[in-house]
């Protein structure tokens, strides 16, 4: 088993990725640019976390976690934009929003756990 597979935040992000992909596939009314950007941002959030788990240098880990968290913020913003045009149900919006918020907090916790570590 790879290190990233053991992370609770990875499992949550994988689940969120799957929910977003399913929602995007089912929503053929969504602007294509928003659709593609959301799809890419979600994937890059996961991939940067995976990259962080492979690093041994704390500063590299922190940088990649920061990038991953930035993509989570992008996804949350895209979710809000879609909501503002009534492109998503309130129930789906709230579930995805809550998960993004939880992921963001978990990534911030990971980031903080590397503060003060000397290589």
PDB file of N, CA and C in Angstrom:
ATOM      1  N   UNK A   1       0.854  -1.175   0.000  1.00  0.00           N
ATOM      2  CA  UNK A   1       0.000   0.000   0.000  1.00  0.00           C
ATOM      3  C   UNK A   1       0.903   1.243   0.000  1.00  0.00           C
ATOM      4  N   UNK A   2       0.561   2.208  -0.835  1.00  0.00           N
ATOM      5  CA  UNK A   2       1.300   3.458  -0.883  1.00  0.00           C
ATOM      6  C   UNK A   2       0.897   4.350   0.290  1.00  0.00           C
ATOM      7  N   UNK A   3       1.823   5.242   0.690  1.00  0.00           N
ATOM      8  CA  UNK A   3       1.568   6.126   1.835  1.00  0.00           C
ATOM      9  C   UNK A   3       0.289   6.941   1.662  1.00  0.00           C
ATOM     10  N   UNK A   4       0.060   7.478   0.464  1.00  0.00           N
ATOM     11  CA  UNK A   4      -1.107   8.341   0.267  1.00  0.00           C
ATOM     12  C   UNK A   4      -2.419   7.591   0.475  1.00  0.00           C
ATOM     13  N   UNK A   5      -2.421   6.295   0.207  1.00  0.00           N
ATOM     14  CA  UNK A   5      -3.641   5.509   0.363  1.00  0.00           C
ATOM     15  C   UNK A   5      -4.058   5.381   1.829  1.00  0.00           C
ATOM     16  N   UNK A   6      -3.112   5.610   2.728  1.00  0.00           N
ATOM     17  CA  UNK A   6      -3.384   5.513   4.160  1.00  0.00           C
ATOM     18  C   UNK A   6      -3.966   6.799   4.731  1.00  0.00           C
ATOM     19  N   UNK A   7      -3.913   7.867   3.962  1.00  0.00           N
ATOM     20  CA  UNK A   7      -4.363   9.165   4.451  1.00  0.00           C
ATOM     21  C   UNK A   7      -5.884   9.296   4.390  1.00  0.00           C
ATOM     22  N   UNK A   8      -6.478   9.691   5.498  1.00  0.00           N
ATOM     23  CA  UNK A   8      -7.926   9.923   5.529  1.00  0.00           C
ATOM     24  C   UNK A   8      -8.324  11.012   4.530  1.00  0.00           C
ATOM     25  N   UNK A   9      -7.497  12.054   4.434  1.00  0.00           N
ATOM     26  CA  UNK A   9      -7.804  13.156   3.517  1.00  0.00           C
ATOM     27  C   UNK A   9      -7.770  12.670   2.065  1.00  0.00           C
ATOM     28  N   UNK A  10      -6.888  11.756   1.738  1.00  0.00           N
ATOM     29  CA  UNK A  10      -6.862  11.201   0.374  1.00  0.00           C
ATOM     30  C   UNK A  10      -8.162  10.451   0.094  1.00  0.00           C
ATOM     31  N   UNK A  11      -8.599   9.647   1.034  1.00  0.00           N
ATOM     32  CA  UNK A  11      -9.835   8.876   0.845  1.00  0.00           C
ATOM     33  C   UNK A  11     -11.030   9.819   0.660  1.00  0.00           C
ATOM     34  N   UNK A  12     -11.070  10.898   1.441  1.00  0.00           N
ATOM     35  CA  UNK A  12     -12.151  11.880   1.308  1.00  0.00           C
ATOM     36  C   UNK A  12     -12.063  12.595  -0.041  1.00  0.00           C
ATOM     37  N   UNK A  13     -10.848  12.953  -0.450  1.00  0.00           N
ATOM     38  CA  UNK A  13     -10.677  13.633  -1.735  1.00  0.00           C
ATOM     39  C   UNK A  13     -11.046  12.711  -2.893  1.00  0.00           C
ATOM     40  N   UNK A  14     -10.710  11.450  -2.791  1.00  0.00           N
ATOM     41  CA  UNK A  14     -11.060  10.483  -3.837  1.00  0.00           C
ATOM     42  C   UNK A  14     -12.579  10.357  -3.948  1.00  0.00           C
ATOM     43  N   UNK A  15     -13.237  10.284  -2.804  1.00  0.00           N
ATOM     44  CA  UNK A  15     -14.697  10.206  -2.783  1.00  0.00           C
ATOM     45  C   UNK A  15     -15.311  11.479  -3.375  1.00  0.00           C
ATOM     46  N   UNK A  16     -14.763  12.639  -2.996  1.00  0.00           N
ATOM     47  CA  UNK A  16     -15.253  13.909  -3.532  1.00  0.00           C
ATOM     48  C   UNK A  16     -15.033  13.966  -5.046  1.00  0.00           C
ATOM     49  N   UNK A  17     -13.868  13.532  -5.494  1.00  0.00           N
ATOM     50  CA  UNK A  17     -13.577  13.489  -6.932  1.00  0.00           C
ATOM     51  C   UNK A  17     -14.633  12.669  -7.666  1.00  0.00           C
ATOM     52  N   UNK A  18     -14.948  11.508  -7.129  1.00  0.00           N
ATOM     53  CA  UNK A  18     -15.933  10.634  -7.765  1.00  0.00           C
ATOM     54  C   UNK A  18     -17.317  11.280  -7.803  1.00  0.00           C
ATOM     55  N   UNK A  19     -17.707  11.940  -6.728  1.00  0.00           N
ATOM     56  CA  UNK A  19     -19.011  12.627  -6.690  1.00  0.00           C
ATOM     57  C   UNK A  19     -19.056  13.761  -7.709  1.00  0.00           C
ATOM     58  N   UNK A  20     -17.978  14.526  -7.788  1.00  0.00           N
ATOM     59  CA  UNK A  20     -17.927  15.641  -8.738  1.00  0.00           C
ATOM     60  C   UNK A  20     -17.968  15.109 -10.168  1.00  0.00           C
ATOM     61  N   UNK A  21     -17.207  14.063 -10.467  1.00  0.00           N
ATOM     62  CA  UNK A  21     -17.195  13.510 -11.825  1.00  0.00           C
ATOM     63  C   UNK A  21     -18.588  13.014 -12.225  1.00  0.00           C
ATOM     64  N   UNK A  22     -19.271  12.340 -11.309  1.00  0.00           N
ATOM     65  CA  UNK A  22     -20.622  11.857 -11.585  1.00  0.00           C
ATOM     66  C   UNK A  22     -21.564  13.023 -11.829  1.00  0.00           C
ATOM     67  N   UNK A  23     -21.478  14.055 -10.983  1.00  0.00           N
ATOM     68  CA  UNK A  23     -22.337  15.226 -11.134  1.00  0.00           C
ATOM     69  C   UNK A  23     -22.063  15.925 -12.471  1.00  0.00           C
ATOM     70  N   UNK A  24     -20.794  16.057 -12.834  1.00  0.00           N
ATOM     71  CA  UNK A  24     -20.448  16.717 -14.092  1.00  0.00           C
ATOM     72  C   UNK A  24     -20.950  15.920 -15.296  1.00  0.00           C
ATOM     73  N   UNK A  25     -20.845  14.607 -15.223  1.00  0.00           N
ATOM     74  CA  UNK A  25     -21.340  13.763 -16.323  1.00  0.00           C
ATOM     75  C   UNK A  25     -22.848  13.894 -16.506  1.00  0.00           C
ATOM     76  N   UNK A  26     -23.554  14.077 -15.396  1.00  0.00           N
ATOM     77  CA  UNK A  26     -25.015  14.149 -15.444  1.00  0.00           C
ATOM     78  C   UNK A  26     -25.534  15.539 -15.791  1.00  0.00           C
ATOM     79  N   UNK A  27     -24.667  16.544 -15.727  1.00  0.00           N
ATOM     80  CA  UNK A  27     -25.099  17.920 -15.948  1.00  0.00           C
ATOM     81  C   UNK A  27     -24.634  18.389 -17.326  1.00  0.00           C
ATOM     82  N   UNK A  28     -25.462  18.164 -18.331  1.00  0.00           N
ATOM     83  CA  UNK A  28     -25.084  18.552 -19.693  1.00  0.00           C
ATOM     84  C   UNK A  28     -25.407  20.016 -19.999  1.00  0.00           C
ATOM     85  N   UNK A  29     -25.985  20.728 -19.029  1.00  0.00           N
ATOM     86  CA  UNK A  29     -26.308  22.142 -19.209  1.00  0.00           C
ATOM     87  C   UNK A  29     -25.175  23.067 -18.757  1.00  0.00           C
ATOM     88  N   UNK A  30     -24.200  22.502 -18.064  1.00  0.00           N
ATOM     89  CA  UNK A  30     -23.136  23.319 -17.499  1.00  0.00           C
ATOM     90  C   UNK A  30     -22.220  23.857 -18.593  1.00  0.00           C
ATOM     91  N   UNK A  31     -21.788  25.091 -18.416  1.00  0.00           N
ATOM     92  CA  UNK A  31     -20.824  25.696 -19.324  1.00  0.00           C
ATOM     93  C   UNK A  31     -19.601  24.792 -19.436  1.00  0.00           C
ATOM     94  N   UNK A  32     -19.147  24.534 -20.648  1.00  0.00           N
ATOM     95  CA  UNK A  32     -18.063  23.594 -20.895  1.00  0.00           C
ATOM     96  C   UNK A  32     -16.756  24.043 -20.228  1.00  0.00           C
ATOM     97  N   UNK A  33     -16.492  25.341 -20.225  1.00  0.00           N
ATOM     98  CA  UNK A  33     -15.271  25.845 -19.606  1.00  0.00           C
ATOM     99  C   UNK A  33     -15.289  25.624 -18.092  1.00  0.00           C
ATOM    100  N   UNK A  34     -16.433  25.873 -17.465  1.00  0.00           N
ATOM    101  CA  UNK A  34     -16.576  25.619 -16.027  1.00  0.00           C
ATOM    102  C   UNK A  34     -16.423  24.123 -15.758  1.00  0.00           C
ATOM    103  N   UNK A  35     -17.085  23.319 -16.542  1.00  0.00           N
ATOM    104  CA  UNK A  35     -17.012  21.864 -16.426  1.00  0.00           C
ATOM    105  C   UNK A  35     -15.562  21.383 -16.475  1.00  0.00           C
ATOM    106  N   UNK A  36     -14.844  21.792 -17.502  1.00  0.00           N
ATOM    107  CA  UNK A  36     -13.462  21.328 -17.693  1.00  0.00           C
ATOM    108  C   UNK A  36     -12.536  21.829 -16.596  1.00  0.00           C
ATOM    109  N   UNK A  37     -12.724  23.088 -16.210  1.00  0.00           N
ATOM    110  CA  UNK A  37     -11.862  23.644 -15.168  1.00  0.00           C
ATOM    111  C   UNK A  37     -12.091  22.915 -13.843  1.00  0.00           C
ATOM    112  N   UNK A  38     -13.342  22.656 -13.515  1.00  0.00           N
ATOM    113  CA  UNK A  38     -13.667  21.958 -12.268  1.00  0.00           C
ATOM    114  C   UNK A  38     -13.077  20.554 -12.275  1.00  0.00           C
ATOM    115  N   UNK A  39     -13.248  19.872 -13.373  1.00  0.00           N
ATOM    116  CA  UNK A  39     -12.714  18.512 -13.521  1.00  0.00           C
ATOM    117  C   UNK A  39     -11.197  18.516 -13.317  1.00  0.00           C
ATOM    118  N   UNK A  40     -10.511  19.447 -13.958  1.00  0.00           N
ATOM    119  CA  UNK A  40      -9.055  19.525 -13.843  1.00  0.00           C
ATOM    120  C   UNK A  40      -8.609  19.936 -12.448  1.00  0.00           C
ATOM    121  N   UNK A  41      -9.281  20.911 -11.860  1.00  0.00           N
ATOM    122  CA  UNK A  41      -8.900  21.379 -10.526  1.00  0.00           C
ATOM    123  C   UNK A  41      -9.052  20.268  -9.486  1.00  0.00           C
ATOM    124  N   UNK A  42     -10.123  19.493  -9.587  1.00  0.00           N
ATOM    125  CA  UNK A  42     -10.329  18.406  -8.637  1.00  0.00           C
ATOM    126  C   UNK A  42      -9.242  17.353  -8.792  1.00  0.00           C
ATOM    127  N   UNK A  43      -8.920  17.015 -10.030  1.00  0.00           N
ATOM    128  CA  UNK A  43      -7.873  16.026 -10.277  1.00  0.00           C
ATOM    129  C   UNK A  43      -6.518  16.530  -9.772  1.00  0.00           C
ATOM    130  N   UNK A  44      -6.204  17.788 -10.038  1.00  0.00           N
ATOM    131  CA  UNK A  44      -4.919  18.337  -9.608  1.00  0.00           C
ATOM    132  C   UNK A  44      -4.824  18.457  -8.084  1.00  0.00           C
ATOM    133  N   UNK A  45      -5.933  18.698  -7.422  1.00  0.00           N
ATOM    134  CA  UNK A  45      -5.931  18.719  -5.959  1.00  0.00           C
ATOM    135  C   UNK A  45      -5.491  17.356  -5.423  1.00  0.00           C
ATOM    136  N   UNK A  46      -6.062  16.306  -5.976  1.00  0.00           N
ATOM    137  CA  UNK A  46      -5.721  14.948  -5.540  1.00  0.00           C
ATOM    138  C   UNK A  46      -4.264  14.630  -5.877  1.00  0.00           C
ATOM    139  N   UNK A  47      -3.846  14.949  -7.096  1.00  0.00           N
ATOM    140  CA  UNK A  47      -2.496  14.592  -7.539  1.00  0.00           C
ATOM    141  C   UNK A  47      -1.409  15.334  -6.757  1.00  0.00           C
ATOM    142  N   UNK A  48      -1.669  16.567  -6.376  1.00  0.00           N
ATOM    143  CA  UNK A  48      -0.679  17.291  -5.580  1.00  0.00           C
ATOM    144  C   UNK A  48      -0.563  16.709  -4.173  1.00  0.00           C
ATOM    145  N   UNK A  49      -1.661  16.246  -3.606  1.00  0.00           N
ATOM    146  CA  UNK A  49      -1.592  15.559  -2.320  1.00  0.00           C
ATOM    147  C   UNK A  49      -0.767  14.272  -2.456  1.00  0.00           C
ATOM    148  N   UNK A  50      -1.002  13.531  -3.515  1.00  0.00           N
ATOM    149  CA  UNK A  50      -0.257  12.293  -3.753  1.00  0.00           C
ATOM    150  C   UNK A  50       1.238  12.602  -3.881  1.00  0.00           C
ATOM    151  N   UNK A  51       1.572  13.640  -4.644  1.00  0.00           N
ATOM    152  CA  UNK A  51       2.972  14.047  -4.785  1.00  0.00           C
ATOM    153  C   UNK A  51       3.569  14.419  -3.424  1.00  0.00           C
ATOM    154  N   UNK A  52       2.809  15.141  -2.610  1.00  0.00           N
ATOM    155  CA  UNK A  52       3.302  15.542  -1.288  1.00  0.00           C
ATOM    156  C   UNK A  52       3.639  14.325  -0.438  1.00  0.00           C
ATOM    157  N   UNK A  53       2.834  13.291  -0.542  1.00  0.00           N
ATOM    158  CA  UNK A  53       3.067  12.100   0.280  1.00  0.00           C
ATOM    159  C   UNK A  53       4.341  11.367  -0.123  1.00  0.00           C
ATOM    160  N   UNK A  54       4.822  11.625  -1.330  1.00  0.00           N
ATOM    161  CA  UNK A  54       6.029  10.954  -1.819  1.00  0.00           C
ATOM    162  C   UNK A  54       7.311  11.697  -1.450  1.00  0.00           C
ATOM    163  N   UNK A  55       7.202  12.926  -1.010  1.00  0.00           N
ATOM    164  CA  UNK A  55       8.382  13.744  -0.716  1.00  0.00           C
ATOM    165  C   UNK A  55       8.918  13.442   0.674  1.00  0.00           C
ATOM    166  N   UNK A  56      10.217  13.605   0.826  1.00  0.00           N
ATOM    167  CA  UNK A  56      10.829  13.439   2.142  1.00  0.00           C
ATOM    168  C   UNK A  56      11.162  14.780   2.771  1.00  0.00           C
ATOM    169  N   UNK A  57      11.308  15.803   1.972  1.00  0.00           N
ATOM    170  CA  UNK A  57      11.616  17.137   2.450  1.00  0.00           C
ATOM    171  C   UNK A  57      10.329  17.836   2.900  1.00  0.00           C
ATOM    172  N   UNK A  58      10.313  18.319   4.140  1.00  0.00           N
ATOM    173  CA  UNK A  58       9.113  18.957   4.691  1.00  0.00           C
ATOM    174  C   UNK A  58       8.672  20.176   3.893  1.00  0.00           C
ATOM    175  N   UNK A  59       9.628  20.969   3.422  1.00  0.00           N
ATOM    176  CA  UNK A  59       9.265  22.157   2.650  1.00  0.00           C
ATOM    177  C   UNK A  59       8.594  21.781   1.335  1.00  0.00           C
ATOM    178  N   UNK A  60       9.074  20.722   0.689  1.00  0.00           N
ATOM    179  CA  UNK A  60       8.426  20.253  -0.541  1.00  0.00           C
ATOM    180  C   UNK A  60       7.020  19.753  -0.245  1.00  0.00           C
ATOM    181  N   UNK A  61       6.871  19.018   0.839  1.00  0.00           N
ATOM    182  CA  UNK A  61       5.550  18.534   1.241  1.00  0.00           C
ATOM    183  C   UNK A  61       4.596  19.710   1.445  1.00  0.00           C
ATOM    184  N   UNK A  62       5.063  20.707   2.194  1.00  0.00           N
ATOM    185  CA  UNK A  62       4.235  21.872   2.496  1.00  0.00           C
ATOM    186  C   UNK A  62       3.843  22.611   1.219  1.00  0.00           C
ATOM    187  N   UNK A  63       4.783  22.752   0.294  1.00  0.00           N
ATOM    188  CA  UNK A  63       4.476  23.439  -0.964  1.00  0.00           C
ATOM    189  C   UNK A  63       3.385  22.708  -1.748  1.00  0.00           C
ATOM    190  N   UNK A  64       3.501  21.396  -1.841  1.00  0.00           N
ATOM    191  CA  UNK A  64       2.512  20.625  -2.596  1.00  0.00           C
ATOM    192  C   UNK A  64       1.154  20.585  -1.894  1.00  0.00           C
ATOM    193  N   UNK A  65       1.164  20.532  -0.579  1.00  0.00           N
ATOM    194  CA  UNK A  65      -0.096  20.582   0.176  1.00  0.00           C
ATOM    195  C   UNK A  65      -0.769  21.931  -0.039  1.00  0.00           C
ATOM    196  N   UNK A  66       0.031  23.000  -0.075  1.00  0.00           N
ATOM    197  CA  UNK A  66      -0.508  24.335  -0.324  1.00  0.00           C
ATOM    198  C   UNK A  66      -1.145  24.410  -1.708  1.00  0.00           C
ATOM    199  N   UNK A  67      -0.490  23.828  -2.691  1.00  0.00           N
ATOM    200  CA  UNK A  67      -1.038  23.815  -4.059  1.00  0.00           C
ATOM    201  C   UNK A  67      -2.333  23.007  -4.083  1.00  0.00           C
ATOM    202  N   UNK A  68      -2.331  21.862  -3.435  1.00  0.00           N
ATOM    203  CA  UNK A  68      -3.532  21.026  -3.377  1.00  0.00           C
ATOM    204  C   UNK A  68      -4.685  21.792  -2.745  1.00  0.00           C
ATOM    205  N   UNK A  69      -4.403  22.485  -1.650  1.00  0.00           N
ATOM    206  CA  UNK A  69      -5.443  23.268  -0.969  1.00  0.00           C
ATOM    207  C   UNK A  69      -5.947  24.401  -1.866  1.00  0.00           C
ATOM    208  N   UNK A  70      -5.050  24.998  -2.642  1.00  0.00           N
ATOM    209  CA  UNK A  70      -5.459  26.039  -3.583  1.00  0.00           C
ATOM    210  C   UNK A  70      -6.451  25.505  -4.607  1.00  0.00           C
ATOM    211  N   UNK A  71      -6.217  24.296  -5.090  1.00  0.00           N
ATOM    212  CA  UNK A  71      -7.167  23.692  -6.027  1.00  0.00           C
ATOM    213  C   UNK A  71      -8.502  23.380  -5.367  1.00  0.00           C
ATOM    214  N   UNK A  72      -8.472  23.011  -4.094  1.00  0.00           N
ATOM    215  CA  UNK A  72      -9.726  22.791  -3.367  1.00  0.00           C
ATOM    216  C   UNK A  72     -10.502  24.100  -3.271  1.00  0.00           C
ATOM    217  N   UNK A  73      -9.806  25.212  -3.028  1.00  0.00           N
ATOM    218  CA  UNK A  73     -10.455  26.524  -3.012  1.00  0.00           C
ATOM    219  C   UNK A  73     -11.070  26.826  -4.379  1.00  0.00           C
ATOM    220  N   UNK A  74     -10.344  26.525  -5.452  1.00  0.00           N
ATOM    221  CA  UNK A  74     -10.892  26.734  -6.803  1.00  0.00           C
ATOM    222  C   UNK A  74     -12.169  25.930  -6.999  1.00  0.00           C
ATOM    223  N   UNK A  75     -12.124  24.669  -6.586  1.00  0.00           N
ATOM    224  CA  UNK A  75     -13.310  23.810  -6.728  1.00  0.00           C
ATOM    225  C   UNK A  75     -14.489  24.380  -5.953  1.00  0.00           C
ATOM    226  N   UNK A  76     -14.234  24.856  -4.752  1.00  0.00           N
ATOM    227  CA  UNK A  76     -15.293  25.444  -3.932  1.00  0.00           C
ATOM    228  C   UNK A  76     -15.873  26.685  -4.607  1.00  0.00           C
ATOM    229  N   UNK A  77     -15.013  27.483  -5.211  1.00  0.00           N
ATOM    230  CA  UNK A  77     -15.473  28.677  -5.924  1.00  0.00           C
ATOM    231  C   UNK A  77     -16.310  28.296  -7.143  1.00  0.00           C
ATOM    232  N   UNK A  78     -15.878  27.284  -7.877  1.00  0.00           N
ATOM    233  CA  UNK A  78     -16.648  26.816  -9.033  1.00  0.00           C
ATOM    234  C   UNK A  78     -18.011  26.296  -8.593  1.00  0.00           C
ATOM    235  N   UNK A  79     -18.026  25.575  -7.475  1.00  0.00           N
ATOM    236  CA  UNK A  79     -19.283  25.096  -6.910  1.00  0.00           C
ATOM    237  C   UNK A  79     -20.215  26.263  -6.617  1.00  0.00           C
ATOM    238  N   UNK A  80     -19.675  27.311  -6.018  1.00  0.00           N
ATOM    239  CA  UNK A  80     -20.470  28.495  -5.693  1.00  0.00           C
ATOM    240  C   UNK A  80     -20.991  29.181  -6.954  1.00  0.00           C
ATOM    241  N   UNK A  81     -20.153  29.267  -7.970  1.00  0.00           N
ATOM    242  CA  UNK A  81     -20.584  29.876  -9.240  1.00  0.00           C
ATOM    243  C   UNK A  81     -21.724  29.091  -9.877  1.00  0.00           C
ATOM    244  N   UNK A  82     -21.611  27.776  -9.862  1.00  0.00           N
ATOM    245  CA  UNK A  82     -22.660  26.936 -10.434  1.00  0.00           C
ATOM    246  C   UNK A  82     -23.950  27.082  -9.621  1.00  0.00           C
ATOM    247  N   UNK A  83     -23.812  27.144  -8.308  1.00  0.00           N
ATOM    248  CA  UNK A  83     -24.988  27.341  -7.441  1.00  0.00           C
ATOM    249  C   UNK A  83     -25.672  28.670  -7.756  1.00  0.00           C
ATOM    250  N   UNK A  84     -24.884  29.705  -8.002  1.00  0.00           N
ATOM    251  CA  UNK A  84     -25.460  31.035  -8.227  1.00  0.00           C
ATOM    252  C   UNK A  84     -26.265  31.115  -9.517  1.00  0.00           C
ATOM    253  N   UNK A  85     -26.079  30.150 -10.403  1.00  0.00           N
ATOM    254  CA  UNK A  85     -26.872  30.102 -11.642  1.00  0.00           C
ATOM    255  C   UNK A  85     -27.916  28.982 -11.591  1.00  0.00           C
ATOM    256  N   UNK A  86     -28.176  28.485 -10.366  1.00  0.00           N
ATOM    257  CA  UNK A  86     -29.142  27.399 -10.153  1.00  0.00           C
ATOM    258  C   UNK A  86     -28.796  26.144 -10.949  1.00  0.00           C
ATOM    259  N   UNK A  87     -27.498  25.895 -11.106  1.00  0.00           N
ATOM    260  CA  UNK A  87     -27.041  24.741 -11.866  1.00  0.00           C
ATOM    261  C   UNK A  87     -26.811  23.501 -11.035  1.00  0.00           C
ATOM    262  N   UNK A  88     -27.182  23.571  -9.750  1.00  0.00           N
ATOM    263  CA  UNK A  88     -26.977  22.433  -8.864  1.00  0.00           C
ATOM    264  C   UNK A  88     -28.037  22.478  -7.774  1.00  0.00           C
ATOM    265  N   UNK A  89     -28.486  21.322  -7.345  1.00  0.00           N
ATOM    266  CA  UNK A  89     -29.511  21.295  -6.293  1.00  0.00           C
ATOM    267  C   UNK A  89     -28.899  21.722  -4.959  1.00  0.00           C
ATOM    268  N   UNK A  90     -29.722  22.315  -4.102  1.00  0.00           N
ATOM    269  CA  UNK A  90     -29.214  22.735  -2.790  1.00  0.00           C
ATOM    270  C   UNK A  90     -28.623  21.583  -1.972  1.00  0.00           C
ATOM    271  N   UNK A  91     -29.191  20.405  -2.091  1.00  0.00           N
ATOM    272  CA  UNK A  91     -28.704  19.250  -1.324  1.00  0.00           C
ATOM    273  C   UNK A  91     -27.315  18.831  -1.811  1.00  0.00           C
ATOM    274  N   UNK A  92     -27.146  18.733  -3.119  1.00  0.00           N
ATOM    275  CA  UNK A  92     -25.850  18.356  -3.683  1.00  0.00           C
ATOM    276  C   UNK A  92     -24.824  19.441  -3.381  1.00  0.00           C
ATOM    277  N   UNK A  93     -25.236  20.694  -3.534  1.00  0.00           N
ATOM    278  CA  UNK A  93     -24.335  21.810  -3.216  1.00  0.00           C
ATOM    279  C   UNK A  93     -23.814  21.684  -1.791  1.00  0.00           C
ATOM    280  N   UNK A  94     -24.699  21.498  -0.832  1.00  0.00           N
ATOM    281  CA  UNK A  94     -24.291  21.470   0.577  1.00  0.00           C
ATOM    282  C   UNK A  94     -23.364  20.302   0.864  1.00  0.00           C
ATOM    283  N   UNK A  95     -23.649  19.145   0.294  1.00  0.00           N
ATOM    284  CA  UNK A  95     -22.787  17.981   0.515  1.00  0.00           C
ATOM    285  C   UNK A  95     -21.379  18.245  -0.031  1.00  0.00           C
ATOM    286  N   UNK A  96     -21.298  18.749  -1.257  1.00  0.00           N
ATOM    287  CA  UNK A  96     -19.994  19.025  -1.859  1.00  0.00           C
ATOM    288  C   UNK A  96     -19.273  20.137  -1.098  1.00  0.00           C
ATOM    289  N   UNK A  97     -20.007  21.181  -0.725  1.00  0.00           N
ATOM    290  CA  UNK A  97     -19.404  22.302   0.012  1.00  0.00           C
ATOM    291  C   UNK A  97     -18.817  21.821   1.342  1.00  0.00           C
ATOM    292  N   UNK A  98     -19.601  21.050   2.086  1.00  0.00           N
ATOM    293  CA  UNK A  98     -19.138  20.551   3.387  1.00  0.00           C
ATOM    294  C   UNK A  98     -17.881  19.699   3.228  1.00  0.00           C
ATOM    295  N   UNK A  99     -17.847  18.879   2.188  1.00  0.00           N
ATOM    296  CA  UNK A  99     -16.672  18.048   1.946  1.00  0.00           C
ATOM    297  C   UNK A  99     -15.458  18.899   1.579  1.00  0.00           C
ATOM    298  N   UNK A 100     -15.650  19.921   0.740  1.00  0.00           N
ATOM    299  CA  UNK A 100     -14.525  20.800   0.403  1.00  0.00           C
ATOM    300  C   UNK A 100     -13.991  21.497   1.649  1.00  0.00           C
ATOM    301  N   UNK A 101     -14.893  21.945   2.496  1.00  0.00           N
ATOM    302  CA  UNK A 101     -14.464  22.618   3.722  1.00  0.00           C
ATOM    303  C   UNK A 101     -13.680  21.657   4.616  1.00  0.00           C
ATOM    304  N   UNK A 102     -14.141  20.451   4.743  1.00  0.00           N
ATOM    305  CA  UNK A 102     -13.453  19.446   5.569  1.00  0.00           C
ATOM    306  C   UNK A 102     -12.074  19.116   4.988  1.00  0.00           C
ATOM    307  N   UNK A 103     -12.023  18.942   3.666  1.00  0.00           N
ATOM    308  CA  UNK A 103     -10.745  18.656   3.013  1.00  0.00           C
ATOM    309  C   UNK A 103      -9.766  19.802   3.244  1.00  0.00           C
ATOM    310  N   UNK A 104     -10.235  21.025   3.081  1.00  0.00           N
ATOM    311  CA  UNK A 104      -9.381  22.195   3.275  1.00  0.00           C
ATOM    312  C   UNK A 104      -8.799  22.218   4.689  1.00  0.00           C
ATOM    313  N   UNK A 105      -9.619  21.956   5.674  1.00  0.00           N
ATOM    314  CA  UNK A 105      -9.158  21.947   7.061  1.00  0.00           C
ATOM    315  C   UNK A 105      -8.150  20.824   7.304  1.00  0.00           C
ATOM    316  N   UNK A 106      -8.382  19.680   6.698  1.00  0.00           N
ATOM    317  CA  UNK A 106      -7.458  18.562   6.860  1.00  0.00           C
ATOM    318  C   UNK A 106      -6.109  18.875   6.209  1.00  0.00           C
ATOM    319  N   UNK A 107      -6.132  19.487   5.041  1.00  0.00           N
ATOM    320  CA  UNK A 107      -4.884  19.858   4.372  1.00  0.00           C
ATOM    321  C   UNK A 107      -4.132  20.914   5.182  1.00  0.00           C
ATOM    322  N   UNK A 108      -4.856  21.857   5.744  1.00  0.00           N
ATOM    323  CA  UNK A 108      -4.215  22.872   6.577  1.00  0.00           C
ATOM    324  C   UNK A 108      -3.569  22.214   7.803  1.00  0.00           C
ATOM    325  N   UNK A 109      -4.245  21.256   8.378  1.00  0.00           N
ATOM    326  CA  UNK A 109      -3.679  20.516   9.509  1.00  0.00           C
ATOM    327  C   UNK A 109      -2.408  19.783   9.126  1.00  0.00           C
ATOM    328  N   UNK A 110      -2.412  19.178   7.939  1.00  0.00           N
ATOM    329  CA  UNK A 110      -1.200  18.507   7.451  1.00  0.00           C
ATOM    330  C   UNK A 110      -0.072  19.516   7.291  1.00  0.00           C
ATOM    331  N   UNK A 111      -0.381  20.649   6.687  1.00  0.00           N
ATOM    332  CA  UNK A 111       0.612  21.693   6.470  1.00  0.00           C
ATOM    333  C   UNK A 111       1.234  22.110   7.807  1.00  0.00           C
ATOM    334  N   UNK A 112       0.391  22.377   8.771  1.00  0.00           N
ATOM    335  CA  UNK A 112       0.869  22.825  10.084  1.00  0.00           C
ATOM    336  C   UNK A 112       1.690  21.749  10.787  1.00  0.00           C
ATOM    337  N   UNK A 113       1.421  20.493  10.501  1.00  0.00           N
ATOM    338  CA  UNK A 113       2.163  19.412  11.154  1.00  0.00           C
ATOM    339  C   UNK A 113       3.628  19.385  10.729  1.00  0.00           C
ATOM    340  N   UNK A 114       3.947  20.025   9.617  1.00  0.00           N
ATOM    341  CA  UNK A 114       5.334  20.062   9.155  1.00  0.00           C
ATOM    342  C   UNK A 114       6.079  21.299   9.623  1.00  0.00           C
ATOM    343  N   UNK A 115       5.427  22.228  10.278  1.00  0.00           N
ATOM    344  CA  UNK A 115       6.101  23.426  10.799  1.00  0.00           C
ATOM    345  C   UNK A 115       7.086  23.043  11.883  1.00  0.00           C
ATOM    346  N   UNK A 116       8.254  23.613  11.799  1.00  0.00           N
ATOM    347  CA  UNK A 116       9.265  23.383  12.820  1.00  0.00           C
ATOM    348  C   UNK A 116      10.077  22.123  12.642  1.00  0.00           C
ATOM    349  N   UNK A 117       9.769  21.318  11.631  1.00  0.00           N
ATOM    350  CA  UNK A 117      10.541  20.105  11.400  1.00  0.00           C
ATOM    351  C   UNK A 117      11.816  20.472  10.657  1.00  0.00           C
ATOM    352  N   UNK A 118      12.908  19.928  11.118  1.00  0.00           N
ATOM    353  CA  UNK A 118      14.206  20.189  10.503  1.00  0.00           C
ATOM    354  C   UNK A 118      14.636  18.961   9.721  1.00  0.00           C
ATOM    355  N   UNK A 119      15.067  19.204   8.518  1.00  0.00           N
ATOM    356  CA  UNK A 119      15.495  18.102   7.632  1.00  0.00           C
ATOM    357  C   UNK A 119      16.958  17.781   7.894  1.00  0.00           C
TER     358      UNK A 119
END
